[in-house]
Amino acid sequence: RAVVEGAKRAGVEVGVCGELAGSVSGAQLLTEIGIYELSMDPAAVDEVREGLLGA
């Protein structure tokens, strides 16, 4: 969280690429701490999107 807050103050976006971003629970954790740039396997996009939107 400290990295995200420091980056925000500096005007720098923080993103995460990989397995953590491609899981619903990981994406939820990342968005809770302010990371909204997520890169993942295309096969995971629909499931993660639905998980984040609460569908």
C-alpha atoms as a PDB file:
ATOM      1  CA  ARG A   1       0.000   0.000   0.000  1.00  0.00           C
ATOM      2  CA  ALA A   2       2.867   2.389   0.770  1.00  0.00           C
ATOM      3  CA  VAL A   3       4.262   1.904  -2.745  1.00  0.00           C
ATOM      4  CA  VAL A   4       0.870   2.658  -4.292  1.00  0.00           C
ATOM      5  CA  GLU A   5       0.410   5.775  -2.164  1.00  0.00           C
ATOM      6  CA  GLY A   6       3.944   7.008  -2.933  1.00  0.00           C
ATOM      7  CA  ALA A   7       3.462   6.406  -6.635  1.00  0.00           C
ATOM      8  CA  LYS A   8       0.152   8.254  -6.574  1.00  0.00           C
ATOM      9  CA  ARG A   9       1.785  11.285  -4.929  1.00  0.00           C
ATOM     10  CA  ALA A  10       4.471  11.208  -7.636  1.00  0.00           C
ATOM     11  CA  GLY A  11       1.908  10.891 -10.426  1.00  0.00           C
ATOM     12  CA  VAL A  12       3.056   7.393 -11.359  1.00  0.00           C
ATOM     13  CA  GLU A  13       0.662   4.544 -12.113  1.00  0.00           C
ATOM     14  CA  VAL A  14       1.284   1.134 -10.580  1.00  0.00           C
ATOM     15  CA  GLY A  15       0.276  -2.005 -12.430  1.00  0.00           C
ATOM     16  CA  VAL A  16       0.593  -5.727 -11.838  1.00  0.00           C
ATOM     17  CA  CYS A  17       1.106  -8.425 -14.427  1.00  0.00           C
ATOM     18  CA  GLY A  18       0.833 -12.147 -13.853  1.00  0.00           C
ATOM     19  CA  GLU A  19      -0.970 -14.850 -11.950  1.00  0.00           C
ATOM     20  CA  LEU A  20      -1.984 -12.634  -9.026  1.00  0.00           C
ATOM     21  CA  ALA A  21      -3.710 -10.149 -11.309  1.00  0.00           C
ATOM     22  CA  GLY A  22      -5.380 -13.016 -13.169  1.00  0.00           C
ATOM     23  CA  SER A  23      -7.170 -14.472 -10.162  1.00  0.00           C
ATOM     24  CA  VAL A  24     -10.379 -13.014  -8.767  1.00  0.00           C
ATOM     25  CA  SER A  25      -9.097 -12.919  -5.182  1.00  0.00           C
ATOM     26  CA  GLY A  26      -5.774 -11.409  -6.269  1.00  0.00           C
ATOM     27  CA  ALA A  27      -7.456  -8.779  -8.428  1.00  0.00           C
ATOM     28  CA  GLN A  28      -9.790  -7.888  -5.557  1.00  0.00           C
ATOM     29  CA  LEU A  29      -6.832  -7.428  -3.212  1.00  0.00           C
ATOM     30  CA  LEU A  30      -4.946  -5.317  -5.745  1.00  0.00           C
ATOM     31  CA  THR A  31      -7.896  -3.026  -6.437  1.00  0.00           C
ATOM     32  CA  GLU A  32      -8.538  -2.643  -2.697  1.00  0.00           C
ATOM     33  CA  ILE A  33      -5.052  -1.165  -2.283  1.00  0.00           C
ATOM     34  CA  GLY A  34      -5.436   1.117  -5.296  1.00  0.00           C
ATOM     35  CA  ILE A  35      -3.928  -0.837  -8.182  1.00  0.00           C
ATOM     36  CA  TYR A  36      -6.227  -0.698 -11.195  1.00  0.00           C
ATOM     37  CA  GLU A  37      -3.841  -1.584 -14.033  1.00  0.00           C
ATOM     38  CA  LEU A  38      -3.987  -5.375 -14.208  1.00  0.00           C
ATOM     39  CA  SER A  39      -2.442  -7.503 -16.940  1.00  0.00           C
ATOM     40  CA  MET A  40      -3.382 -11.162 -17.172  1.00  0.00           C
ATOM     41  CA  ASP A  41      -3.865 -14.148 -19.427  1.00  0.00           C
ATOM     42  CA  PRO A  42      -6.726 -13.333 -21.829  1.00  0.00           C
ATOM     43  CA  ALA A  43      -8.526 -16.485 -20.672  1.00  0.00           C
ATOM     44  CA  ALA A  44      -8.861 -14.977 -17.161  1.00  0.00           C
ATOM     45  CA  VAL A  45     -10.324 -11.608 -18.167  1.00  0.00           C
ATOM     46  CA  ASP A  46     -14.031 -12.513 -18.117  1.00  0.00           C
ATOM     47  CA  GLU A  47     -13.849 -14.322 -14.769  1.00  0.00           C
ATOM     48  CA  VAL A  48     -11.854 -11.512 -13.135  1.00  0.00           C
ATOM     49  CA  ARG A  49     -14.151  -8.833 -14.580  1.00  0.00           C
ATOM     50  CA  GLU A  50     -17.225 -10.647 -13.256  1.00  0.00           C
ATOM     51  CA  GLY A  51     -15.562 -11.137  -9.870  1.00  0.00           C
ATOM     52  CA  LEU A  52     -14.674  -7.463  -9.573  1.00  0.00           C
ATOM     53  CA  LEU A  53     -18.098  -6.287 -10.693  1.00  0.00           C
ATOM     54  CA  GLY A  54     -19.840  -8.688  -8.332  1.00  0.00           C
ATOM     55  CA  ALA A  55     -21.673 -10.494 -11.119  1.00  0.00           C
END
